[in-house]
ModelCIF file with pLDDT and N, C-alpha, C, O atoms, coordinates in Angstrom:
data_MODEL
#
_entry.id   MODEL 
#
_entity.id                         1 
_entity.type                       polymer 
_entity.pdbx_number_of_molecules   1 
#
_entity_poly.entity_id                      1 
_entity_poly.type                           'polypeptide(L)' 
_entity_poly.nstd_linkage                   no 
_entity_poly.nstd_monomer                   no 
_entity_poly.pdbx_seq_one_letter_code       QESAAPFHDWNERIYYECYLPNAIARVLDSKGEIVGIINNFEGISFN 
_entity_poly.pdbx_seq_one_letter_code_can   QESAAPFHDWNERIYYECYLPNAIARVLDSKGEIVGIINNFEGISFN 
_entity_poly.pdbx_strand_id                 A 
#
loop_
_entity_poly_seq.entity_id 
_entity_poly_seq.num 
_entity_poly_seq.mon_id 
_entity_poly_seq.hetero 
1 1  GLN n 
1 2  GLU n 
1 3  SER n 
1 4  ALA n 
1 5  ALA n 
1 6  PRO n 
1 7  PHE n 
1 8  HIS n 
1 9  ASP n 
1 10 TRP n 
1 11 ASN n 
1 12 GLU n 
1 13 ARG n 
1 14 ILE n 
1 15 TYR n 
1 16 TYR n 
1 17 GLU n 
1 18 CYS n 
1 19 TYR n 
1 20 LEU n 
1 21 PRO n 
1 22 ASN n 
1 23 ALA n 
1 24 ILE n 
1 25 ALA n 
1 26 ARG n 
1 27 VAL n 
1 28 LEU n 
1 29 ASP n 
1 30 SER n 
1 31 LYS n 
1 32 GLY n 
1 33 GLU n 
1 34 ILE n 
1 35 VAL n 
1 36 GLY n 
1 37 ILE n 
1 38 ILE n 
1 39 ASN n 
1 40 ASN n 
1 41 PHE n 
1 42 GLU n 
1 43 GLY n 
1 44 ILE n 
1 45 SER n 
1 46 PHE n 
1 47 ASN n 
#
_struct_asym.id          A 
_struct_asym.entity_id   1 
#
loop_
_ma_qa_metric.id 
_ma_qa_metric.mode 
_ma_qa_metric.name 
_ma_qa_metric.software_group_id 
_ma_qa_metric.type 
1 global pLDDT . pLDDT 
2 local  pLDDT . pLDDT 
#
_ma_qa_metric_global.metric_id      1 
_ma_qa_metric_global.metric_value   94.64 
_ma_qa_metric_global.model_id       1 
_ma_qa_metric_global.ordinal_id     1 
#
loop_
_ma_qa_metric_local.label_asym_id 
_ma_qa_metric_local.label_comp_id 
_ma_qa_metric_local.label_seq_id 
_ma_qa_metric_local.metric_id 
_ma_qa_metric_local.metric_value 
_ma_qa_metric_local.model_id 
_ma_qa_metric_local.ordinal_id 
A GLN 1  2 96.00 1 1  
A GLU 2  2 96.00 1 2  
A SER 3  2 96.00 1 3  
A ALA 4  2 96.00 1 4  
A ALA 5  2 96.00 1 5  
A PRO 6  2 96.00 1 6  
A PHE 7  2 96.00 1 7  
A HIS 8  2 97.00 1 8  
A ASP 9  2 96.00 1 9  
A TRP 10 2 96.00 1 10 
A ASN 11 2 96.00 1 11 
A GLU 12 2 97.00 1 12 
A ARG 13 2 97.00 1 13 
A ILE 14 2 97.00 1 14 
A TYR 15 2 97.00 1 15 
A TYR 16 2 97.00 1 16 
A GLU 17 2 96.00 1 17 
A CYS 18 2 96.00 1 18 
A TYR 19 2 97.00 1 19 
A LEU 20 2 97.00 1 20 
A PRO 21 2 96.00 1 21 
A ASN 22 2 96.00 1 22 
A ALA 23 2 96.00 1 23 
A ILE 24 2 95.00 1 24 
A ALA 25 2 93.00 1 25 
A ARG 26 2 93.00 1 26 
A VAL 27 2 92.00 1 27 
A LEU 28 2 90.00 1 28 
A ASP 29 2 90.00 1 29 
A SER 30 2 91.00 1 30 
A LYS 31 2 89.00 1 31 
A GLY 32 2 88.00 1 32 
A GLU 33 2 91.00 1 33 
A ILE 34 2 90.00 1 34 
A VAL 35 2 91.00 1 35 
A GLY 36 2 92.00 1 36 
A ILE 37 2 93.00 1 37 
A ILE 38 2 94.00 1 38 
A ASN 39 2 95.00 1 39 
A ASN 40 2 96.00 1 40 
A PHE 41 2 96.00 1 41 
A GLU 42 2 95.00 1 42 
A GLY 43 2 93.00 1 43 
A ILE 44 2 95.00 1 44 
A SER 45 2 96.00 1 45 
A PHE 46 2 97.00 1 46 
A ASN 47 2 97.00 1 47 
#
loop_
_atom_site.group_PDB 
_atom_site.id 
_atom_site.type_symbol 
_atom_site.label_atom_id 
_atom_site.label_alt_id 
_atom_site.label_comp_id 
_atom_site.label_asym_id 
_atom_site.label_entity_id 
_atom_site.label_seq_id 
_atom_site.pdbx_PDB_ins_code 
_atom_site.Cartn_x 
_atom_site.Cartn_y 
_atom_site.Cartn_z 
_atom_site.occupancy 
_atom_site.B_iso_or_equiv 
_atom_site.pdbx_formal_charge 
_atom_site.auth_seq_id 
_atom_site.auth_comp_id 
_atom_site.auth_asym_id 
_atom_site.auth_atom_id 
_atom_site.pdbx_PDB_model_num 
ATOM 1   N N  . GLN A 1 1  ? 0.868   -1.182 0.000  1.00 96.00 ? 1  GLN A N  1 
ATOM 2   C CA . GLN A 1 1  ? 0.000   0.000  0.000  1.00 96.00 ? 1  GLN A CA 1 
ATOM 3   C C  . GLN A 1 1  ? 0.903   1.230  0.000  1.00 96.00 ? 1  GLN A C  1 
ATOM 4   O O  . GLN A 1 1  ? 1.474   1.592  1.028  1.00 96.00 ? 1  GLN A O  1 
ATOM 5   N N  . GLU A 1 2  ? 1.023   1.859  -1.150 1.00 96.00 ? 2  GLU A N  1 
ATOM 6   C CA . GLU A 1 2  ? 1.977   2.954  -1.318 1.00 96.00 ? 2  GLU A CA 1 
ATOM 7   C C  . GLU A 1 2  ? 1.672   4.139  -0.409 1.00 96.00 ? 2  GLU A C  1 
ATOM 8   O O  . GLU A 1 2  ? 2.586   4.862  -0.011 1.00 96.00 ? 2  GLU A O  1 
ATOM 9   N N  . SER A 1 3  ? 0.404   4.344  -0.077 1.00 96.00 ? 3  SER A N  1 
ATOM 10  C CA . SER A 1 3  ? 0.045   5.486  0.777  1.00 96.00 ? 3  SER A CA 1 
ATOM 11  C C  . SER A 1 3  ? 0.554   5.318  2.206  1.00 96.00 ? 3  SER A C  1 
ATOM 12  O O  . SER A 1 3  ? 0.569   6.281  2.974  1.00 96.00 ? 3  SER A O  1 
ATOM 13  N N  . ALA A 1 4  ? 0.973   4.096  2.572  1.00 96.00 ? 4  ALA A N  1 
ATOM 14  C CA . ALA A 1 4  ? 1.479   3.842  3.917  1.00 96.00 ? 4  ALA A CA 1 
ATOM 15  C C  . ALA A 1 4  ? 2.999   3.997  4.003  1.00 96.00 ? 4  ALA A C  1 
ATOM 16  O O  . ALA A 1 4  ? 3.582   3.765  5.062  1.00 96.00 ? 4  ALA A O  1 
ATOM 17  N N  . ALA A 1 5  ? 3.642   4.385  2.909  1.00 96.00 ? 5  ALA A N  1 
ATOM 18  C CA . ALA A 1 5  ? 5.108   4.534  2.889  1.00 96.00 ? 5  ALA A CA 1 
ATOM 19  C C  . ALA A 1 5  ? 5.569   5.411  4.046  1.00 96.00 ? 5  ALA A C  1 
ATOM 20  O O  . ALA A 1 5  ? 4.877   6.358  4.419  1.00 96.00 ? 5  ALA A O  1 
ATOM 21  N N  . PRO A 1 6  ? 6.738   5.101  4.620  1.00 96.00 ? 6  PRO A N  1 
ATOM 22  C CA . PRO A 1 6  ? 7.748   4.139  4.172  1.00 96.00 ? 6  PRO A CA 1 
ATOM 23  C C  . PRO A 1 6  ? 7.487   2.700  4.608  1.00 96.00 ? 6  PRO A C  1 
ATOM 24  O O  . PRO A 1 6  ? 8.360   1.846  4.448  1.00 96.00 ? 6  PRO A O  1 
ATOM 25  N N  . PHE A 1 7  ? 6.303   2.413  5.155  1.00 96.00 ? 7  PHE A N  1 
ATOM 26  C CA . PHE A 1 7  ? 5.977   1.055  5.571  1.00 96.00 ? 7  PHE A CA 1 
ATOM 27  C C  . PHE A 1 7  ? 5.288   0.300  4.436  1.00 96.00 ? 7  PHE A C  1 
ATOM 28  O O  . PHE A 1 7  ? 4.803   0.905  3.479  1.00 96.00 ? 7  PHE A O  1 
ATOM 29  N N  . HIS A 1 8  ? 5.252   -1.001 4.551  1.00 97.00 ? 8  HIS A N  1 
ATOM 30  C CA . HIS A 1 8  ? 4.668   -1.837 3.503  1.00 97.00 ? 8  HIS A CA 1 
ATOM 31  C C  . HIS A 1 8  ? 3.169   -1.624 3.363  1.00 97.00 ? 8  HIS A C  1 
ATOM 32  O O  . HIS A 1 8  ? 2.646   -1.587 2.249  1.00 97.00 ? 8  HIS A O  1 
ATOM 33  N N  . ASP A 1 9  ? 2.475   -1.484 4.490  1.00 96.00 ? 9  ASP A N  1 
ATOM 34  C CA . ASP A 1 9  ? 1.017   -1.334 4.465  1.00 96.00 ? 9  ASP A CA 1 
ATOM 35  C C  . ASP A 1 9  ? 0.580   -0.580 5.704  1.00 96.00 ? 9  ASP A C  1 
ATOM 36  O O  . ASP A 1 9  ? 1.391   -0.288 6.583  1.00 96.00 ? 9  ASP A O  1 
ATOM 37  N N  . TRP A 1 10 ? -0.717  -0.262 5.771  1.00 96.00 ? 10 TRP A N  1 
ATOM 38  C CA . TRP A 1 10 ? -1.221  0.561  6.878  1.00 96.00 ? 10 TRP A CA 1 
ATOM 39  C C  . TRP A 1 10 ? -1.235  -0.190 8.199  1.00 96.00 ? 10 TRP A C  1 
ATOM 40  O O  . TRP A 1 10 ? -1.093  0.432  9.252  1.00 96.00 ? 10 TRP A O  1 
ATOM 41  N N  . ASN A 1 11 ? -1.403  -1.496 8.177  1.00 96.00 ? 11 ASN A N  1 
ATOM 42  C CA . ASN A 1 11 ? -1.310  -2.241 9.429  1.00 96.00 ? 11 ASN A CA 1 
ATOM 43  C C  . ASN A 1 11 ? 0.070   -2.073 10.052 1.00 96.00 ? 11 ASN A C  1 
ATOM 44  O O  . ASN A 1 11 ? 0.193   -1.849 11.256 1.00 96.00 ? 11 ASN A O  1 
ATOM 45  N N  . GLU A 1 12 ? 1.107   -2.183 9.225  1.00 97.00 ? 12 GLU A N  1 
ATOM 46  C CA . GLU A 1 12 ? 2.475   -2.036 9.724  1.00 97.00 ? 12 GLU A CA 1 
ATOM 47  C C  . GLU A 1 12 ? 2.745   -0.611 10.188 1.00 97.00 ? 12 GLU A C  1 
ATOM 48  O O  . GLU A 1 12 ? 3.385   -0.395 11.217 1.00 97.00 ? 12 GLU A O  1 
ATOM 49  N N  . ARG A 1 13 ? 2.258   0.350  9.428  1.00 97.00 ? 13 ARG A N  1 
ATOM 50  C CA . ARG A 1 13 ? 2.506   1.745  9.804  1.00 97.00 ? 13 ARG A CA 1 
ATOM 51  C C  . ARG A 1 13 ? 1.854   2.071  11.152 1.00 97.00 ? 13 ARG A C  1 
ATOM 52  O O  . ARG A 1 13 ? 2.486   2.666  12.025 1.00 97.00 ? 13 ARG A O  1 
ATOM 53  N N  . ILE A 1 14 ? 0.607   1.685  11.311 1.00 97.00 ? 14 ILE A N  1 
ATOM 54  C CA . ILE A 1 14 ? -0.088  1.993  12.564 1.00 97.00 ? 14 ILE A CA 1 
ATOM 55  C C  . ILE A 1 14 ? 0.491   1.180  13.714 1.00 97.00 ? 14 ILE A C  1 
ATOM 56  O O  . ILE A 1 14 ? 0.506   1.641  14.855 1.00 97.00 ? 14 ILE A O  1 
ATOM 57  N N  . TYR A 1 15 ? 0.967   -0.024 13.423 1.00 97.00 ? 15 TYR A N  1 
ATOM 58  C CA . TYR A 1 15 ? 1.613   -0.826 14.464 1.00 97.00 ? 15 TYR A CA 1 
ATOM 59  C C  . TYR A 1 15 ? 2.806   -0.085 15.051 1.00 97.00 ? 15 TYR A C  1 
ATOM 60  O O  . TYR A 1 15 ? 2.942   -0.006 16.272 1.00 97.00 ? 15 TYR A O  1 
ATOM 61  N N  . TYR A 1 16 ? 3.666   0.457  14.205 1.00 97.00 ? 16 TYR A N  1 
ATOM 62  C CA . TYR A 1 16 ? 4.871   1.141  14.679 1.00 97.00 ? 16 TYR A CA 1 
ATOM 63  C C  . TYR A 1 16 ? 4.579   2.528  15.256 1.00 97.00 ? 16 TYR A C  1 
ATOM 64  O O  . TYR A 1 16 ? 5.393   3.080  15.995 1.00 97.00 ? 16 TYR A O  1 
ATOM 65  N N  . GLU A 1 17 ? 3.415   3.088  14.916 1.00 96.00 ? 17 GLU A N  1 
ATOM 66  C CA . GLU A 1 17 ? 3.065   4.406  15.446 1.00 96.00 ? 17 GLU A CA 1 
ATOM 67  C C  . GLU A 1 17 ? 2.162   4.322  16.679 1.00 96.00 ? 17 GLU A C  1 
ATOM 68  O O  . GLU A 1 17 ? 2.021   5.306  17.405 1.00 96.00 ? 17 GLU A O  1 
ATOM 69  N N  . CYS A 1 18 ? 1.552   3.164  16.922 1.00 96.00 ? 18 CYS A N  1 
ATOM 70  C CA . CYS A 1 18 ? 0.566   3.079  18.004 1.00 96.00 ? 18 CYS A CA 1 
ATOM 71  C C  . CYS A 1 18 ? 0.759   1.872  18.910 1.00 96.00 ? 18 CYS A C  1 
ATOM 72  O O  . CYS A 1 18 ? 1.083   2.035  20.086 1.00 96.00 ? 18 CYS A O  1 
ATOM 73  N N  . TYR A 1 19 ? 0.567   0.666  18.390 1.00 97.00 ? 19 TYR A N  1 
ATOM 74  C CA . TYR A 1 19 ? 0.522   -0.510 19.256 1.00 97.00 ? 19 TYR A CA 1 
ATOM 75  C C  . TYR A 1 19 ? 1.878   -0.797 19.894 1.00 97.00 ? 19 TYR A C  1 
ATOM 76  O O  . TYR A 1 19 ? 1.949   -1.050 21.097 1.00 97.00 ? 19 TYR A O  1 
ATOM 77  N N  . LEU A 1 20 ? 2.946   -0.761 19.114 1.00 97.00 ? 20 LEU A N  1 
ATOM 78  C CA . LEU A 1 20 ? 4.277   -1.003 19.671 1.00 97.00 ? 20 LEU A CA 1 
ATOM 79  C C  . LEU A 1 20 ? 4.684   0.077  20.671 1.00 97.00 ? 20 LEU A C  1 
ATOM 80  O O  . LEU A 1 20 ? 5.137   -0.266 21.763 1.00 97.00 ? 20 LEU A O  1 
ATOM 81  N N  . PRO A 1 21 ? 4.544   1.387  20.346 1.00 96.00 ? 21 PRO A N  1 
ATOM 82  C CA . PRO A 1 21 ? 4.923   2.413  21.329 1.00 96.00 ? 21 PRO A CA 1 
ATOM 83  C C  . PRO A 1 21 ? 4.140   2.331  22.638 1.00 96.00 ? 21 PRO A C  1 
ATOM 84  O O  . PRO A 1 21 ? 4.662   2.698  23.690 1.00 96.00 ? 21 PRO A O  1 
ATOM 85  N N  . ASN A 1 22 ? 2.897   1.856  22.587 1.00 96.00 ? 22 ASN A N  1 
ATOM 86  C CA . ASN A 1 22 ? 2.129   1.714  23.827 1.00 96.00 ? 22 ASN A CA 1 
ATOM 87  C C  . ASN A 1 22 ? 2.574   0.495  24.632 1.00 96.00 ? 22 ASN A C  1 
ATOM 88  O O  . ASN A 1 22 ? 2.478   0.496  25.860 1.00 96.00 ? 22 ASN A O  1 
ATOM 89  N N  . ALA A 1 23 ? 3.058   -0.541 23.953 1.00 96.00 ? 23 ALA A N  1 
ATOM 90  C CA . ALA A 1 23 ? 3.513   -1.746 24.659 1.00 96.00 ? 23 ALA A CA 1 
ATOM 91  C C  . ALA A 1 23 ? 4.868   -1.533 25.320 1.00 96.00 ? 23 ALA A C  1 
ATOM 92  O O  . ALA A 1 23 ? 5.169   -2.151 26.341 1.00 96.00 ? 23 ALA A O  1 
ATOM 93  N N  . ILE A 1 24 ? 5.699   -0.645 24.730 1.00 95.00 ? 24 ILE A N  1 
ATOM 94  C CA . ILE A 1 24 ? 7.020   -0.353 25.303 1.00 95.00 ? 24 ILE A CA 1 
ATOM 95  C C  . ILE A 1 24 ? 7.195   1.164  25.377 1.00 95.00 ? 24 ILE A C  1 
ATOM 96  O O  . ILE A 1 24 ? 8.079   1.728  24.733 1.00 95.00 ? 24 ILE A O  1 
ATOM 97  N N  . ALA A 1 25 ? 6.352   1.808  26.161 1.00 93.00 ? 25 ALA A N  1 
ATOM 98  C CA . ALA A 1 25 ? 6.375   3.272  26.263 1.00 93.00 ? 25 ALA A CA 1 
ATOM 99  C C  . ALA A 1 25 ? 7.592   3.738  27.062 1.00 93.00 ? 25 ALA A C  1 
ATOM 100 O O  . ALA A 1 25 ? 7.938   3.157  28.091 1.00 93.00 ? 25 ALA A O  1 
ATOM 101 N N  . ARG A 1 26 ? 8.219   4.780  26.575 1.00 93.00 ? 26 ARG A N  1 
ATOM 102 C CA . ARG A 1 26 ? 9.409   5.315  27.233 1.00 93.00 ? 26 ARG A CA 1 
ATOM 103 C C  . ARG A 1 26 ? 9.025   6.339  28.297 1.00 93.00 ? 26 ARG A C  1 
ATOM 104 O O  . ARG A 1 26 ? 8.190   7.211  28.058 1.00 93.00 ? 26 ARG A O  1 
ATOM 105 N N  . VAL A 1 27 ? 9.633   6.228  29.457 1.00 92.00 ? 27 VAL A N  1 
ATOM 106 C CA . VAL A 1 27 ? 9.467   7.201  30.525 1.00 92.00 ? 27 VAL A CA 1 
ATOM 107 C C  . VAL A 1 27 ? 10.708  8.090  30.508 1.00 92.00 ? 27 VAL A C  1 
ATOM 108 O O  . VAL A 1 27 ? 11.827  7.603  30.666 1.00 92.00 ? 27 VAL A O  1 
ATOM 109 N N  . LEU A 1 28 ? 10.509  9.393  30.316 1.00 90.00 ? 28 LEU A N  1 
ATOM 110 C CA . LEU A 1 28 ? 11.621  10.327 30.194 1.00 90.00 ? 28 LEU A CA 1 
ATOM 111 C C  . LEU A 1 28 ? 11.747  11.195 31.433 1.00 90.00 ? 28 LEU A C  1 
ATOM 112 O O  . LEU A 1 28 ? 10.756  11.486 32.103 1.00 90.00 ? 28 LEU A O  1 
ATOM 113 N N  . ASP A 1 29 ? 12.981  11.610 31.735 1.00 90.00 ? 29 ASP A N  1 
ATOM 114 C CA . ASP A 1 29 ? 13.183  12.547 32.829 1.00 90.00 ? 29 ASP A CA 1 
ATOM 115 C C  . ASP A 1 29 ? 13.150  13.979 32.289 1.00 90.00 ? 29 ASP A C  1 
ATOM 116 O O  . ASP A 1 29 ? 12.852  14.197 31.114 1.00 90.00 ? 29 ASP A O  1 
ATOM 117 N N  . SER A 1 30 ? 13.454  14.940 33.142 1.00 91.00 ? 30 SER A N  1 
ATOM 118 C CA . SER A 1 30 ? 13.379  16.352 32.753 1.00 91.00 ? 30 SER A CA 1 
ATOM 119 C C  . SER A 1 30 ? 14.366  16.706 31.647 1.00 91.00 ? 30 SER A C  1 
ATOM 120 O O  . SER A 1 30 ? 14.218  17.736 30.988 1.00 91.00 ? 30 SER A O  1 
ATOM 121 N N  . LYS A 1 31 ? 15.367  15.861 31.442 1.00 89.00 ? 31 LYS A N  1 
ATOM 122 C CA . LYS A 1 31 ? 16.360  16.114 30.390 1.00 89.00 ? 31 LYS A CA 1 
ATOM 123 C C  . LYS A 1 31 ? 16.039  15.360 29.103 1.00 89.00 ? 31 LYS A C  1 
ATOM 124 O O  . LYS A 1 31 ? 16.793  15.415 28.131 1.00 89.00 ? 31 LYS A O  1 
ATOM 125 N N  . GLY A 1 32 ? 14.907  14.655 29.111 1.00 88.00 ? 32 GLY A N  1 
ATOM 126 C CA . GLY A 1 32 ? 14.524  13.910 27.921 1.00 88.00 ? 32 GLY A CA 1 
ATOM 127 C C  . GLY A 1 32 ? 15.226  12.574 27.785 1.00 88.00 ? 32 GLY A C  1 
ATOM 128 O O  . GLY A 1 32 ? 15.190  11.962 26.718 1.00 88.00 ? 32 GLY A O  1 
ATOM 129 N N  . GLU A 1 33 ? 15.869  12.109 28.860 1.00 91.00 ? 33 GLU A N  1 
ATOM 130 C CA . GLU A 1 33 ? 16.557  10.830 28.828 1.00 91.00 ? 33 GLU A CA 1 
ATOM 131 C C  . GLU A 1 33 ? 15.640  9.716  29.338 1.00 91.00 ? 33 GLU A C  1 
ATOM 132 O O  . GLU A 1 33 ? 14.826  9.929  30.237 1.00 91.00 ? 33 GLU A O  1 
ATOM 133 N N  . ILE A 1 34 ? 15.782  8.550  28.762 1.00 90.00 ? 34 ILE A N  1 
ATOM 134 C CA . ILE A 1 34 ? 14.937  7.417  29.129 1.00 90.00 ? 34 ILE A CA 1 
ATOM 135 C C  . ILE A 1 34 ? 15.328  6.890  30.505 1.00 90.00 ? 34 ILE A C  1 
ATOM 136 O O  . ILE A 1 34 ? 16.485  6.543  30.745 1.00 90.00 ? 34 ILE A O  1 
ATOM 137 N N  . VAL A 1 35 ? 14.346  6.834  31.405 1.00 91.00 ? 35 VAL A N  1 
ATOM 138 C CA . VAL A 1 35 ? 14.596  6.318  32.756 1.00 91.00 ? 35 VAL A CA 1 
ATOM 139 C C  . VAL A 1 35 ? 13.794  5.043  33.036 1.00 91.00 ? 35 VAL A C  1 
ATOM 140 O O  . VAL A 1 35 ? 13.930  4.436  34.098 1.00 91.00 ? 35 VAL A O  1 
ATOM 141 N N  . GLY A 1 36 ? 12.969  4.652  32.085 1.00 92.00 ? 36 GLY A N  1 
ATOM 142 C CA . GLY A 1 36 ? 12.184  3.444  32.282 1.00 92.00 ? 36 GLY A CA 1 
ATOM 143 C C  . GLY A 1 36 ? 11.334  3.113  31.067 1.00 92.00 ? 36 GLY A C  1 
ATOM 144 O O  . GLY A 1 36 ? 11.103  3.960  30.205 1.00 92.00 ? 36 GLY A O  1 
ATOM 145 N N  . ILE A 1 37 ? 10.876  1.877  31.010 1.00 93.00 ? 37 ILE A N  1 
ATOM 146 C CA . ILE A 1 37 ? 9.974   1.404  29.957 1.00 93.00 ? 37 ILE A CA 1 
ATOM 147 C C  . ILE A 1 37 ? 8.747   0.812  30.629 1.00 93.00 ? 37 ILE A C  1 
ATOM 148 O O  . ILE A 1 37 ? 8.873   -0.019 31.529 1.00 93.00 ? 37 ILE A O  1 
ATOM 149 N N  . ILE A 1 38 ? 7.567   1.228  30.204 1.00 94.00 ? 38 ILE A N  1 
ATOM 150 C CA . ILE A 1 38 ? 6.330   0.699  30.781 1.00 94.00 ? 38 ILE A CA 1 
ATOM 151 C C  . ILE A 1 38 ? 5.399   0.208  29.676 1.00 94.00 ? 38 ILE A C  1 
ATOM 152 O O  . ILE A 1 38 ? 5.514   0.625  28.523 1.00 94.00 ? 38 ILE A O  1 
ATOM 153 N N  . ASN A 1 39 ? 4.496   -0.664 30.032 1.00 95.00 ? 39 ASN A N  1 
ATOM 154 C CA . ASN A 1 39 ? 3.474   -1.175 29.127 1.00 95.00 ? 39 ASN A CA 1 
ATOM 155 C C  . ASN A 1 39 ? 2.183   -0.412 29.405 1.00 95.00 ? 39 ASN A C  1 
ATOM 156 O O  . ASN A 1 39 ? 1.519   -0.663 30.410 1.00 95.00 ? 39 ASN A O  1 
ATOM 157 N N  . ASN A 1 40 ? 1.826   0.511  28.528 1.00 96.00 ? 40 ASN A N  1 
ATOM 158 C CA . ASN A 1 40 ? 0.641   1.346  28.756 1.00 96.00 ? 40 ASN A CA 1 
ATOM 159 C C  . ASN A 1 40 ? -0.642  0.534  28.851 1.00 96.00 ? 40 ASN A C  1 
ATOM 160 O O  . ASN A 1 40 ? -1.607  0.975  29.475 1.00 96.00 ? 40 ASN A O  1 
ATOM 161 N N  . PHE A 1 41 ? -0.665  -0.641 28.245 1.00 96.00 ? 41 PHE A N  1 
ATOM 162 C CA . PHE A 1 41 ? -1.872  -1.464 28.294 1.00 96.00 ? 41 PHE A CA 1 
ATOM 163 C C  . PHE A 1 41 ? -2.191  -1.927 29.716 1.00 96.00 ? 41 PHE A C  1 
ATOM 164 O O  . PHE A 1 41 ? -3.315  -2.342 29.994 1.00 96.00 ? 41 PHE A O  1 
ATOM 165 N N  . GLU A 1 42 ? -1.207  -1.859 30.615 1.00 95.00 ? 42 GLU A N  1 
ATOM 166 C CA . GLU A 1 42 ? -1.440  -2.228 32.000 1.00 95.00 ? 42 GLU A CA 1 
ATOM 167 C C  . GLU A 1 42 ? -2.221  -1.154 32.754 1.00 95.00 ? 42 GLU A C  1 
ATOM 168 O O  . GLU A 1 42 ? -2.781  -1.423 33.817 1.00 95.00 ? 42 GLU A O  1 
ATOM 169 N N  . GLY A 1 43 ? -2.259  0.073  32.204 1.00 93.00 ? 43 GLY A N  1 
ATOM 170 C CA . GLY A 1 43 ? -2.856  1.179  32.943 1.00 93.00 ? 43 GLY A CA 1 
ATOM 171 C C  . GLY A 1 43 ? -4.064  1.820  32.307 1.00 93.00 ? 43 GLY A C  1 
ATOM 172 O O  . GLY A 1 43 ? -4.592  2.795  32.841 1.00 93.00 ? 43 GLY A O  1 
ATOM 173 N N  . ILE A 1 44 ? -4.529  1.292  31.155 1.00 95.00 ? 44 ILE A N  1 
ATOM 174 C CA . ILE A 1 44 ? -5.695  1.879  30.491 1.00 95.00 ? 44 ILE A CA 1 
ATOM 175 C C  . ILE A 1 44 ? -6.738  0.800  30.214 1.00 95.00 ? 44 ILE A C  1 
ATOM 176 O O  . ILE A 1 44 ? -6.418  -0.383 30.095 1.00 95.00 ? 44 ILE A O  1 
ATOM 177 N N  . SER A 1 45 ? -7.975  1.230  30.114 1.00 96.00 ? 45 SER A N  1 
ATOM 178 C CA . SER A 1 45 ? -9.025  0.361  29.603 1.00 96.00 ? 45 SER A CA 1 
ATOM 179 C C  . SER A 1 45 ? -8.842  0.296  28.089 1.00 96.00 ? 45 SER A C  1 
ATOM 180 O O  . SER A 1 45 ? -8.532  1.309  27.462 1.00 96.00 ? 45 SER A O  1 
ATOM 181 N N  . PHE A 1 46 ? -9.029  -0.882 27.494 1.00 97.00 ? 46 PHE A N  1 
ATOM 182 C CA . PHE A 1 46 ? -8.828  -0.962 26.045 1.00 97.00 ? 46 PHE A CA 1 
ATOM 183 C C  . PHE A 1 46 ? -9.597  -2.125 25.430 1.00 97.00 ? 46 PHE A C  1 
ATOM 184 O O  . PHE A 1 46 ? -9.904  -3.120 26.087 1.00 97.00 ? 46 PHE A O  1 
ATOM 185 N N  . ASN A 1 47 ? -9.894  -1.963 24.154 1.00 97.00 ? 47 ASN A N  1 
ATOM 186 C CA . ASN A 1 47 ? -10.407 -3.078 23.362 1.00 97.00 ? 47 ASN A CA 1 
ATOM 187 C C  . ASN A 1 47 ? -9.616  -3.155 22.071 1.00 97.00 ? 47 ASN A C  1 
ATOM 188 O O  . ASN A 1 47 ? -9.874  -4.025 21.240 1.00 97.00 ? 47 ASN A O  1 
#
């Protein structure tokens, strides 16, 4: 799906922009440095 470039298709594009970042969300400090990784799905209601 060319409209999803640079990804192969829209499932892949949305996966890397949404589902993956929520599963391994970065916790940043005041300097923008990573201090932890959390799974957002543990803290929100979702379907």
